[in-house]
Amino acid sequence: MSLSPLRRIVLVLTVVSTVLCVAPQSAMAGGNSRRDTTKPRVTIAAPTAGSTLSGAVTIMGTASDNISVAKVEVSVDGGAWRLASGTTSWSASVDTTTLSDAAHTITSRATDTKGNAASTSVSVIADNTPAVSPPASDTTAPSIVASSPGAGATVAGTITVTGTASDNVGLARVEVAVDSGAFQAASGTASWSSALDTTGLANGPHTITARATDTSGNVASVGVTVTANNPVPDTTAPSIVVSSPGAGATVAGTITVTGTASDNVGVAQVRVAVDSGAFQAASGVANWSFSLDTAAFGDGSHTITARATDTSGLTSSASVGVTFANASSTHMVTPEGVTIDVAPDVVGGWTAQQIYDLLKPNAYQLDLIGPSLTIKVQTQYSSGTATSASSVGGVYTSVRATIYLKATSGQVFTARPDYVMAHEYGHVWTRYHFYLDHQGDWTPWLVERGLLGDPRLETSYNWAKAEMIADDYRMLFGTSTAIAQTGYINSDIADPRTVAGLRDWFISTWA
């Protein structure tokens, strides 16, 4: 379309941003509520700057906010604001026949739910003068449709934007742009496509605009809003801790190396090595354990290293220095398969046989439990029991336990020996059946003891389920000496010996 000299207007693109902040009512009243002062964003996707418009045209674009967009309005040359249709993807109709044939400024304004506002403008030319070209000239804009991705779709990686276009005379080209970026030529016209790498976009909403131009220079466009959601690369290495043995410990025989590992995404595996030897897989990841035969190494100082690898292949490791002392330790494997180790720094003449003599009369089902039990007499750790269970497909299949007995000069234990042995073996025996027979469910025992739903459970050491059931075992299966040396651990509930049928229940139902 030709323009008279008076109507040839130089393209001017002006963007004006205005923030209108309305103080929340609580703030005006002296309250201390936090205010949202972040203005929304608004764009005009069509028409483009410098476009020549005639007749009724559709103004379209996008808007976004950190909380929510309340409304979008449109004004021409500073006139009255008119409410647009939609918010995040909006549109409004402007009749250019009501405007003079000259340059005009179209402004869109977005207001969020807190009253903050921002606006953007584009300069266009209105020209409703009848064409001076011959009647046969083409003034019909092409038609264009964006088929894929659909409006509101979530996209990631490289996608293909596709669609169709048509014209009464002929199409010259189709172009595609993202947000306010430059238009890039698409492949094809009637059926067109364009590859788009979304990894270069920030995660969140974006507007894809397709523009068709016919052979007469007429232009039409269409826009769709999609959400980019590409994975954030994992650059955080896992963390790992060796809990046992402690740094500087003296150990002998077969020990259990234990610890924990964690990661922001997920730990894939934990492996353990001694000195510069090969790493071997540990059991478990978040709570891991590794059986280590120290007799396979020479006595002296050694370094145990645990290494965690996450699901992204990132690794980290932790090490402890310990001393292996097998030559001077006392070691035996009982006929039931129990491994007993007396560390070389234990004084007082204690032997593995003496520990076995203390264990056997207090150990119900020792033939069953023995192969999964290790007893360590040492000076570093307080008397206690560590138990671990392995599972396959969510089903517990095996149990390992280590009883640590703390020795001092002149006596093996810092507490009463028969009581300690019976109580700690009670941990092993009850946990063995807890995992293998009850798959980690406390309910049967809680019901039998009348404790199901008791709010006092786990509120203290004496109310810990594991401690109470271990002492149930001591009082019902321990020797008379083990029973007589101290009362039941929790005086607030019935002594298990006074609960009718409880011992038989443990034998026939729990085990």
Protein backbone atom coordinates (compact mmCIF):
# COMPACT_ATOMS: atom_id res chain seq x y z
CA MET A 1 0.00 0.00 0.00
CA SER A 2 1.44 3.44 -0.96
CA LEU A 3 1.37 6.31 1.50
CA SER A 4 1.34 9.99 0.85
CA PRO A 5 4.42 11.90 2.05
CA LEU A 6 2.44 13.22 4.99
CA ARG A 7 1.62 9.67 6.03
CA ARG A 8 5.12 8.23 5.82
CA ILE A 9 5.98 7.92 9.46
CA VAL A 10 9.32 6.74 10.80
CA LEU A 11 8.97 3.67 13.05
CA VAL A 12 9.37 4.49 16.75
CA LEU A 13 9.44 1.76 19.41
CA THR A 14 8.90 3.00 22.95
CA VAL A 15 8.75 0.85 26.06
CA VAL A 16 7.44 2.47 29.19
CA SER A 17 7.43 0.65 32.49
CA THR A 18 5.37 2.01 35.36
CA VAL A 19 4.95 0.47 38.77
CA LEU A 20 1.80 1.33 40.64
CA CYS A 21 2.02 0.17 44.23
CA VAL A 22 -1.04 0.27 46.42
CA ALA A 23 -0.20 -0.28 50.05
CA PRO A 24 -2.04 -3.26 51.57
CA GLN A 25 -4.69 -2.27 54.04
CA SER A 26 -2.74 -3.84 56.91
CA ALA A 27 0.30 -1.72 56.07
CA MET A 28 -1.78 1.48 56.06
CA ALA A 29 -3.12 0.53 59.45
CA GLY A 30 0.33 0.22 60.94
CA GLY A 31 0.60 -3.60 60.54
CA ASN A 32 3.88 -5.32 59.81
CA SER A 33 2.76 -7.69 56.97
CA ARG A 34 5.36 -8.19 54.26
CA ARG A 35 4.42 -6.38 51.03
CA ASP A 36 4.73 -7.56 47.48
CA THR A 37 6.55 -4.82 45.57
CA THR A 38 7.55 -6.86 42.54
CA LYS A 39 5.93 -5.55 39.38
CA PRO A 40 4.54 -7.93 36.76
CA ARG A 41 5.92 -8.31 33.21
CA VAL A 42 3.90 -7.70 30.09
CA THR A 43 4.77 -8.06 26.40
CA ILE A 44 3.04 -7.26 23.11
CA ALA A 45 3.60 -10.08 20.64
CA ALA A 46 1.42 -8.63 17.85
CA PRO A 47 1.26 -6.30 16.10
CA THR A 48 5.00 -5.76 15.79
CA ALA A 49 6.61 -2.33 16.01
CA GLY A 50 6.17 -0.27 12.84
CA SER A 51 3.32 -2.40 11.50
CA THR A 52 0.79 -0.71 9.25
CA LEU A 53 -2.71 -1.52 10.46
CA SER A 54 -6.15 -1.11 9.03
CA GLY A 55 -9.62 -2.08 10.08
CA ALA A 56 -10.16 -4.17 13.20
CA VAL A 57 -6.92 -5.71 14.45
CA THR A 58 -6.15 -8.04 17.35
CA ILE A 59 -3.59 -6.97 19.90
CA MET A 60 -2.08 -9.99 21.68
CA GLY A 61 0.71 -10.74 24.11
CA THR A 62 1.69 -12.31 27.43
CA ALA A 63 1.95 -11.27 31.07
CA SER A 64 3.52 -12.87 34.17
CA ASP A 65 4.04 -12.09 37.85
CA ASN A 66 5.82 -13.55 40.88
CA ILE A 67 2.39 -14.10 42.49
CA SER A 68 -0.46 -13.70 39.99
CA VAL A 69 -1.66 -11.37 37.23
CA ALA A 70 -5.06 -9.87 38.04
CA LYS A 71 -5.84 -8.15 34.73
CA VAL A 72 -4.42 -6.79 31.47
CA GLU A 73 -5.74 -3.58 29.85
CA VAL A 74 -5.09 -1.85 26.54
CA SER A 75 -5.01 1.86 25.67
CA VAL A 76 -4.45 3.72 22.39
CA ASP A 77 -2.58 7.05 22.50
CA GLY A 78 -3.16 7.40 26.26
CA GLY A 79 -6.91 7.02 25.95
CA ALA A 80 -9.21 5.07 28.21
CA TRP A 81 -8.03 1.65 29.37
CA ARG A 82 -10.02 -1.30 28.01
CA LEU A 83 -9.93 -4.72 29.66
CA ALA A 84 -8.21 -7.38 27.54
CA SER A 85 -9.31 -11.00 27.34
CA GLY A 86 -7.07 -13.33 29.37
CA THR A 87 -4.02 -12.55 31.51
CA THR A 88 -0.95 -14.75 30.98
CA SER A 89 -1.96 -14.98 27.30
CA TRP A 90 -4.16 -11.99 26.50
CA SER A 91 -5.77 -10.32 23.48
CA ALA A 92 -7.84 -7.23 22.66
CA SER A 93 -9.45 -5.83 19.52
CA VAL A 94 -8.73 -2.31 18.23
CA ASP A 95 -10.72 -0.70 15.40
CA THR A 96 -8.17 1.44 13.51
CA THR A 97 -10.90 3.03 11.38
CA THR A 98 -11.64 5.24 14.40
CA LEU A 99 -8.05 6.52 14.33
CA SER A 100 -6.40 9.03 12.05
CA ASP A 101 -4.12 7.71 9.34
CA ALA A 102 -0.88 8.35 11.20
CA ALA A 103 1.41 6.92 13.86
CA HIS A 104 -0.25 5.73 17.07
CA THR A 105 0.94 4.19 20.32
CA ILE A 106 -0.72 1.04 21.64
CA THR A 107 -0.02 0.41 25.35
CA SER A 108 -0.79 -2.69 27.38
CA ARG A 109 -0.81 -2.61 31.16
CA ALA A 110 -0.66 -5.63 33.51
CA THR A 111 -1.76 -5.35 37.15
CA ASP A 112 -1.04 -8.08 39.70
CA THR A 113 -3.20 -9.13 42.65
CA LYS A 114 -1.29 -6.76 44.97
CA GLY A 115 -1.92 -3.69 42.82
CA ASN A 116 1.57 -3.49 41.26
CA ALA A 117 1.41 -2.57 37.59
CA ALA A 118 3.73 -2.45 34.59
CA SER A 119 3.13 -1.45 31.00
CA THR A 120 4.74 -1.72 27.57
CA SER A 121 4.00 0.13 24.33
CA VAL A 122 4.46 -0.33 20.62
CA SER A 123 4.18 2.31 17.86
CA VAL A 124 2.21 1.40 14.75
CA ILE A 125 0.76 3.21 11.72
CA ALA A 126 -2.95 3.34 11.02
CA ASP A 127 -3.77 3.53 7.31
CA ASN A 128 -7.37 3.03 6.29
CA THR A 129 -7.02 5.01 3.07
CA PRO A 130 -8.39 3.03 0.13
CA ALA A 131 -5.59 1.42 -1.79
CA VAL A 132 -4.44 3.39 -4.81
CA SER A 133 -3.11 0.23 -6.40
CA PRO A 134 -5.14 -1.42 -9.12
CA PRO A 135 -8.21 -3.29 -7.93
CA ALA A 136 -6.47 -6.55 -8.71
CA SER A 137 -3.76 -5.95 -6.04
CA ASP A 138 -3.61 -8.45 -3.08
CA THR A 139 -4.63 -7.02 0.28
CA THR A 140 -5.66 -10.28 1.97
CA ALA A 141 -3.43 -11.35 4.84
CA PRO A 142 -2.43 -14.99 5.01
CA SER A 143 -3.78 -17.43 7.57
CA ILE A 144 -1.48 -19.26 10.00
CA VAL A 145 -2.06 -21.94 12.65
CA ALA A 146 0.37 -23.31 15.26
CA SER A 147 -0.42 -27.01 15.74
CA SER A 148 2.28 -28.16 18.13
CA PRO A 149 3.10 -27.68 20.94
CA GLY A 150 -0.39 -26.91 22.23
CA ALA A 151 -1.15 -23.91 24.39
CA GLY A 152 -0.17 -24.53 28.01
CA ALA A 153 2.10 -27.49 27.16
CA THR A 154 5.17 -28.26 29.29
CA VAL A 155 8.26 -28.70 27.12
CA ALA A 156 11.89 -29.73 27.62
CA GLY A 157 14.94 -30.33 25.47
CA THR A 158 14.74 -29.69 21.71
CA ILE A 159 11.18 -29.62 20.41
CA THR A 160 9.67 -29.15 16.95
CA VAL A 161 7.21 -26.30 16.50
CA THR A 162 4.82 -27.17 13.66
CA GLY A 163 1.78 -25.72 11.94
CA THR A 164 0.10 -24.76 8.68
CA ALA A 165 -0.36 -21.56 6.69
CA SER A 166 -2.32 -20.53 3.59
CA ASP A 167 -2.94 -17.48 1.39
CA ASN A 168 -5.25 -16.47 -1.46
CA VAL A 169 -2.25 -15.74 -3.73
CA GLY A 170 0.89 -17.37 -2.31
CA LEU A 171 3.05 -17.66 0.79
CA ALA A 172 6.53 -16.21 0.81
CA ARG A 173 7.82 -17.44 4.20
CA VAL A 174 7.02 -18.49 7.75
CA GLU A 175 9.13 -17.39 10.72
CA VAL A 176 9.18 -18.31 14.41
CA ALA A 177 10.28 -16.30 17.48
CA VAL A 178 10.30 -16.90 21.24
CA ASP A 179 9.18 -14.10 23.54
CA SER A 180 10.73 -10.87 22.22
CA GLY A 181 13.55 -12.62 20.38
CA ALA A 182 14.35 -12.32 16.68
CA PHE A 183 12.27 -14.22 14.15
CA GLN A 184 14.00 -17.23 12.55
CA ALA A 185 12.96 -18.79 9.23
CA ALA A 186 10.93 -21.99 9.55
CA SER A 187 11.18 -24.94 7.18
CA GLY A 188 8.30 -25.00 4.69
CA THR A 189 5.29 -22.71 4.32
CA ALA A 190 1.96 -24.48 3.81
CA SER A 191 3.17 -27.09 6.29
CA TRP A 192 5.97 -25.57 8.30
CA SER A 193 8.22 -26.61 11.16
CA SER A 194 10.98 -25.12 13.28
CA ALA A 195 13.34 -26.79 15.79
CA LEU A 196 13.50 -25.04 19.19
CA ASP A 197 16.11 -25.83 21.87
CA THR A 198 14.31 -25.07 25.14
CA THR A 199 17.42 -25.74 27.27
CA GLY A 200 18.49 -22.19 26.43
CA LEU A 201 15.32 -20.82 28.05
CA ALA A 202 14.74 -20.23 31.74
CA ASN A 203 12.32 -22.70 33.30
CA GLY A 204 8.87 -21.11 33.27
CA PRO A 205 6.32 -19.67 30.79
CA HIS A 206 7.35 -18.50 27.31
CA THR A 207 5.45 -17.35 24.21
CA ILE A 208 6.18 -18.90 20.81
CA THR A 209 5.05 -16.67 17.92
CA ALA A 210 4.76 -17.89 14.31
CA ARG A 211 4.51 -15.26 11.53
CA ALA A 212 3.45 -15.86 7.91
CA THR A 213 4.21 -13.38 5.09
CA ASP A 214 2.59 -13.71 1.66
CA THR A 215 4.08 -12.72 -1.71
CA SER A 216 2.36 -9.33 -1.50
CA GLY A 217 3.95 -8.53 1.86
CA ASN A 218 0.82 -9.12 3.94
CA VAL A 219 1.58 -10.57 7.38
CA ALA A 220 -0.32 -12.62 9.98
CA SER A 221 0.89 -14.14 13.24
CA VAL A 222 -0.21 -16.53 15.97
CA GLY A 223 1.19 -17.12 19.46
CA VAL A 224 1.04 -19.95 22.03
CA THR A 225 2.29 -19.91 25.62
CA VAL A 226 4.20 -22.95 26.88
CA THR A 227 6.17 -23.77 30.04
CA ALA A 228 9.83 -24.81 29.83
CA ASN A 229 10.80 -27.41 32.42
CA ASN A 230 14.33 -28.70 31.85
CA PRO A 231 16.22 -30.71 34.49
CA VAL A 232 18.71 -28.70 36.54
CA PRO A 233 22.17 -30.35 36.24
CA ASP A 234 23.33 -32.06 39.44
CA THR A 235 26.69 -30.66 40.56
CA THR A 236 26.48 -31.58 44.26
CA ALA A 237 28.65 -34.49 45.38
CA PRO A 238 27.23 -36.87 48.01
CA SER A 239 28.35 -36.82 51.64
CA ILE A 240 29.58 -39.87 53.53
CA VAL A 241 30.53 -40.58 57.14
CA VAL A 242 32.31 -43.57 58.68
CA SER A 243 30.64 -44.13 62.05
CA SER A 244 32.43 -47.28 63.18
CA PRO A 245 35.21 -48.08 63.89
CA GLY A 246 36.21 -44.71 65.27
CA ALA A 247 39.44 -43.00 64.27
CA GLY A 248 42.39 -44.45 66.22
CA ALA A 249 40.52 -47.62 67.25
CA THR A 250 42.35 -50.92 67.73
CA VAL A 251 40.40 -53.76 66.13
CA ALA A 252 40.84 -57.45 65.44
CA GLY A 253 39.07 -60.33 63.73
CA THR A 254 36.06 -59.66 61.52
CA ILE A 255 34.61 -56.23 62.18
CA THR A 256 31.62 -54.37 60.76
CA VAL A 257 32.45 -51.02 59.22
CA THR A 258 29.32 -48.83 59.34
CA GLY A 259 28.31 -45.32 58.38
CA THR A 260 25.84 -43.10 56.60
CA ALA A 261 25.65 -41.43 53.18
CA SER A 262 23.30 -38.84 51.67
CA ASP A 263 22.86 -36.82 48.49
CA ASN A 264 20.61 -34.06 47.15
CA VAL A 265 19.36 -36.42 44.41
CA GLY A 266 20.22 -39.98 45.42
CA VAL A 267 23.10 -42.21 46.50
CA ALA A 268 23.74 -45.02 44.01
CA GLN A 269 26.32 -47.06 45.92
CA VAL A 270 28.84 -47.15 48.77
CA ARG A 271 32.14 -49.02 48.47
CA VAL A 272 34.88 -49.68 51.04
CA ALA A 273 38.63 -50.23 50.67
CA VAL A 274 41.58 -50.78 53.02
CA ASP A 275 44.72 -48.75 52.31
CA SER A 276 45.24 -48.73 48.52
CA GLY A 277 43.30 -51.93 47.93
CA ALA A 278 40.33 -52.40 45.63
CA PHE A 279 36.98 -50.92 46.62
CA GLN A 280 34.27 -53.46 47.41
CA ALA A 281 30.52 -52.93 47.61
CA ALA A 282 29.00 -52.23 51.02
CA SER A 283 25.51 -53.28 52.06
CA GLY A 284 22.98 -50.42 51.95
CA VAL A 285 23.51 -46.76 51.04
CA ALA A 286 21.83 -44.29 53.42
CA ASN A 287 22.84 -46.57 56.32
CA TRP A 288 25.59 -48.80 55.03
CA SER A 289 27.74 -51.57 56.48
CA PHE A 290 30.71 -53.63 55.37
CA SER A 291 32.14 -56.84 56.89
CA LEU A 292 35.93 -56.59 57.09
CA ASP A 293 38.25 -59.47 58.09
CA THR A 294 41.19 -57.63 59.62
CA ALA A 295 43.15 -60.91 59.86
CA ALA A 296 43.67 -60.69 56.09
CA PHE A 297 45.98 -57.72 56.70
CA GLY A 298 49.13 -57.35 58.71
CA ASP A 299 49.00 -55.97 62.22
CA GLY A 300 49.66 -52.24 62.48
CA SER A 301 48.19 -49.00 61.20
CA HIS A 302 45.73 -49.11 58.29
CA THR A 303 43.33 -46.71 56.61
CA ILE A 304 39.71 -47.68 55.93
CA THR A 305 38.14 -45.56 53.16
CA ALA A 306 34.44 -45.45 52.27
CA ARG A 307 33.39 -43.92 48.97
CA ALA A 308 29.84 -42.83 48.01
CA THR A 309 28.72 -42.39 44.39
CA ASP A 310 25.48 -40.57 43.57
CA THR A 311 23.12 -41.22 40.67
CA SER A 312 24.87 -38.50 38.63
CA GLY A 313 28.25 -40.21 39.00
CA LEU A 314 29.64 -37.70 41.50
CA THR A 315 31.73 -39.19 44.33
CA SER A 316 33.11 -38.32 47.74
CA SER A 317 34.95 -40.34 50.36
CA ALA A 318 35.73 -40.48 54.07
CA SER A 319 38.58 -42.29 55.81
CA VAL A 320 39.57 -43.40 59.32
CA GLY A 321 42.93 -44.59 60.55
CA VAL A 322 42.81 -47.69 62.76
CA THR A 323 45.16 -50.33 64.12
CA PHE A 324 44.77 -54.03 63.31
CA ALA A 325 46.00 -56.20 66.18
CA ASN A 326 45.17 -59.84 65.48
CA ALA A 327 48.38 -61.40 66.77
CA SER A 328 47.70 -60.38 70.36
CA SER A 329 43.87 -60.68 70.36
CA THR A 330 41.75 -63.52 71.59
CA HIS A 331 39.46 -64.91 68.93
CA MET A 332 37.08 -67.84 68.59
CA VAL A 333 34.09 -69.05 66.59
CA THR A 334 31.68 -70.99 68.81
CA PRO A 335 30.04 -74.26 67.74
CA GLU A 336 26.86 -72.24 67.06
CA GLY A 337 28.75 -69.92 64.68
CA VAL A 338 29.12 -66.90 66.99
CA THR A 339 32.34 -64.91 66.39
CA ILE A 340 33.92 -63.65 69.63
CA ASP A 341 36.87 -61.23 69.60
CA VAL A 342 38.65 -59.83 72.63
CA ALA A 343 40.69 -56.77 71.66
CA PRO A 344 44.38 -56.72 72.65
CA ASP A 345 43.97 -53.66 74.90
CA VAL A 346 41.48 -55.47 77.15
CA VAL A 347 43.17 -56.24 80.48
CA GLY A 348 42.13 -58.49 83.32
CA GLY A 349 42.73 -61.84 81.63
CA TRP A 350 39.39 -62.13 79.85
CA THR A 351 39.24 -64.74 77.11
CA ALA A 352 36.78 -65.50 74.33
CA GLN A 353 35.89 -68.74 76.16
CA GLN A 354 34.85 -66.80 79.27
CA ILE A 355 32.60 -64.59 77.13
CA TYR A 356 31.08 -67.70 75.54
CA ASP A 357 30.50 -69.24 78.98
CA LEU A 358 28.61 -66.07 79.96
CA LEU A 359 26.65 -65.96 76.71
CA LYS A 360 25.47 -69.53 76.31
CA PRO A 361 23.14 -69.91 79.33
CA ASN A 362 21.50 -66.56 78.46
CA ALA A 363 21.10 -67.26 74.72
CA TYR A 364 17.84 -68.89 73.62
CA GLN A 365 17.98 -70.28 70.01
CA LEU A 366 21.74 -69.69 69.83
CA ASP A 367 22.06 -72.34 67.09
CA LEU A 368 19.70 -70.21 64.94
CA ILE A 369 21.10 -66.79 65.83
CA GLY A 370 24.80 -67.70 66.09
CA PRO A 371 25.97 -67.40 62.44
CA SER A 372 24.67 -63.82 62.27
CA LEU A 373 26.20 -62.68 65.60
CA THR A 374 29.58 -61.18 66.49
CA ILE A 375 30.62 -60.25 70.05
CA LYS A 376 33.43 -57.73 70.49
CA VAL A 377 35.05 -57.13 73.86
CA GLN A 378 36.83 -53.79 73.67
CA THR A 379 37.54 -50.60 75.59
CA GLN A 380 36.37 -47.89 73.19
CA TYR A 381 32.58 -48.19 72.98
CA SER A 382 29.91 -48.50 75.65
CA SER A 383 28.15 -51.84 75.86
CA GLY A 384 25.44 -51.99 73.21
CA THR A 385 24.17 -53.80 70.14
CA ALA A 386 24.23 -52.80 66.46
CA THR A 387 21.83 -54.59 64.12
CA SER A 388 21.44 -54.38 60.35
CA ALA A 389 19.02 -56.13 58.01
CA SER A 390 19.23 -56.78 54.27
CA SER A 391 16.22 -56.86 51.99
CA VAL A 392 15.40 -58.06 48.49
CA GLY A 393 12.45 -56.50 46.70
CA GLY A 394 11.31 -54.84 49.92
CA VAL A 395 11.37 -58.11 51.90
CA TYR A 396 13.89 -58.57 54.72
CA THR A 397 16.02 -61.66 54.04
CA SER A 398 18.94 -61.61 56.49
CA VAL A 399 20.09 -60.00 59.74
CA ARG A 400 23.53 -59.19 61.14
CA ALA A 401 24.22 -58.12 64.72
CA THR A 402 27.25 -57.11 66.77
CA ILE A 403 27.27 -56.96 70.57
CA TYR A 404 29.90 -54.52 71.87
CA LEU A 405 30.98 -55.23 75.46
CA LYS A 406 33.05 -52.51 77.08
CA ALA A 407 35.90 -53.75 79.25
CA THR A 408 37.92 -52.00 81.94
CA SER A 409 40.82 -53.16 84.07
CA GLY A 410 39.69 -55.90 86.44
CA GLN A 411 36.24 -56.54 84.91
CA VAL A 412 34.80 -57.03 81.47
CA PHE A 413 31.83 -54.69 81.73
CA THR A 414 31.18 -51.30 83.24
CA ALA A 415 27.70 -52.60 84.18
CA ARG A 416 26.62 -55.96 85.72
CA PRO A 417 27.92 -58.68 83.32
CA ASP A 418 25.05 -61.22 83.39
CA TYR A 419 22.40 -58.51 83.10
CA VAL A 420 24.27 -56.81 80.23
CA MET A 421 24.81 -60.07 78.32
CA ALA A 422 21.16 -61.18 78.64
CA HIS A 423 19.82 -57.72 77.71
CA GLU A 424 22.11 -57.29 74.70
CA TYR A 425 21.41 -60.80 73.43
CA GLY A 426 17.74 -59.92 73.91
CA HIS A 427 18.28 -57.12 71.37
CA VAL A 428 19.76 -59.61 68.89
CA TRP A 429 17.09 -62.29 69.36
CA THR A 430 14.07 -59.95 69.25
CA ARG A 431 15.43 -57.97 66.27
CA TYR A 432 16.19 -61.18 64.36
CA HIS A 433 12.53 -62.22 64.52
CA PHE A 434 11.33 -58.59 64.21
CA TYR A 435 12.82 -58.41 60.71
CA LEU A 436 12.55 -61.97 59.39
CA ASP A 437 9.21 -63.04 60.93
CA HIS A 438 7.41 -59.68 61.21
CA GLN A 439 9.09 -57.64 58.45
CA GLY A 440 9.75 -54.66 60.70
CA ASP A 441 6.26 -54.48 62.29
CA TRP A 442 6.06 -53.76 66.04
CA THR A 443 2.27 -54.18 66.15
CA PRO A 444 2.02 -57.82 67.37
CA TRP A 445 4.27 -57.15 70.38
CA LEU A 446 2.60 -53.81 71.18
CA VAL A 447 -0.82 -55.50 71.17
CA GLU A 448 0.38 -58.39 73.33
CA ARG A 449 1.90 -55.96 75.84
CA GLY A 450 -1.12 -53.62 75.79
CA LEU A 451 0.99 -50.71 74.51
CA LEU A 452 -0.49 -50.10 71.07
CA GLY A 453 -1.11 -46.36 70.71
CA ASP A 454 0.47 -45.51 74.09
CA PRO A 455 1.69 -41.88 73.73
CA ARG A 456 4.59 -42.50 76.10
CA LEU A 457 6.37 -44.77 73.61
CA GLU A 458 9.77 -43.47 72.44
CA THR A 459 9.66 -40.52 74.84
CA SER A 460 12.68 -41.75 76.79
CA TYR A 461 15.20 -44.59 76.97
CA ASN A 462 12.94 -46.65 79.29
CA TRP A 463 10.02 -46.13 76.88
CA ALA A 464 11.96 -47.14 73.75
CA LYS A 465 10.32 -50.18 72.14
CA ALA A 466 13.66 -51.82 71.34
CA GLU A 467 14.87 -51.49 74.94
CA MET A 468 11.63 -52.74 76.51
CA ILE A 469 11.36 -55.82 74.28
CA ALA A 470 15.05 -56.65 74.88
CA ASP A 471 14.41 -56.51 78.63
CA ASP A 472 11.28 -58.65 78.15
CA TYR A 473 13.67 -61.25 76.76
CA ARG A 474 16.08 -60.89 79.74
CA MET A 475 13.34 -61.34 82.29
CA LEU A 476 11.74 -64.32 80.48
CA PHE A 477 14.78 -66.16 79.02
CA GLY A 478 17.82 -64.96 80.98
CA THR A 479 19.50 -66.78 83.85
CA SER A 480 18.34 -66.19 87.40
CA THR A 481 21.49 -64.13 87.95
CA ALA A 482 20.74 -61.95 84.93
CA ILE A 483 17.19 -61.41 86.20
CA ALA A 484 18.17 -60.76 89.81
CA GLN A 485 20.88 -58.21 89.12
CA THR A 486 18.38 -55.44 88.26
CA GLY A 487 14.65 -54.89 87.94
CA TYR A 488 12.69 -54.54 84.72
CA ILE A 489 13.81 -51.51 82.70
CA ASN A 490 10.43 -49.71 82.85
CA SER A 491 8.69 -49.67 86.21
CA ASP A 492 5.59 -47.99 84.71
CA ILE A 493 4.42 -51.15 82.96
CA ALA A 494 3.93 -54.72 84.12
CA ASP A 495 6.96 -56.92 84.73
CA PRO A 496 6.85 -59.39 81.80
CA ARG A 497 6.97 -62.33 84.23
CA THR A 498 3.57 -61.24 85.56
CA VAL A 499 1.92 -61.18 82.10
CA ALA A 500 0.18 -64.54 81.70
CA GLY A 501 1.31 -66.52 78.68
CA LEU A 502 3.84 -63.90 77.48
CA ARG A 503 6.82 -66.29 77.41
CA ASP A 504 4.86 -68.85 75.38
CA TRP A 505 3.69 -66.04 73.05
CA PHE A 506 7.31 -65.09 72.34
CA ILE A 507 8.13 -68.74 71.50
CA SER A 508 5.06 -69.57 69.44
CA THR A 509 4.12 -66.20 67.85
CA TRP A 510 7.05 -63.77 67.90
CA ALA A 511 9.66 -66.41 66.97
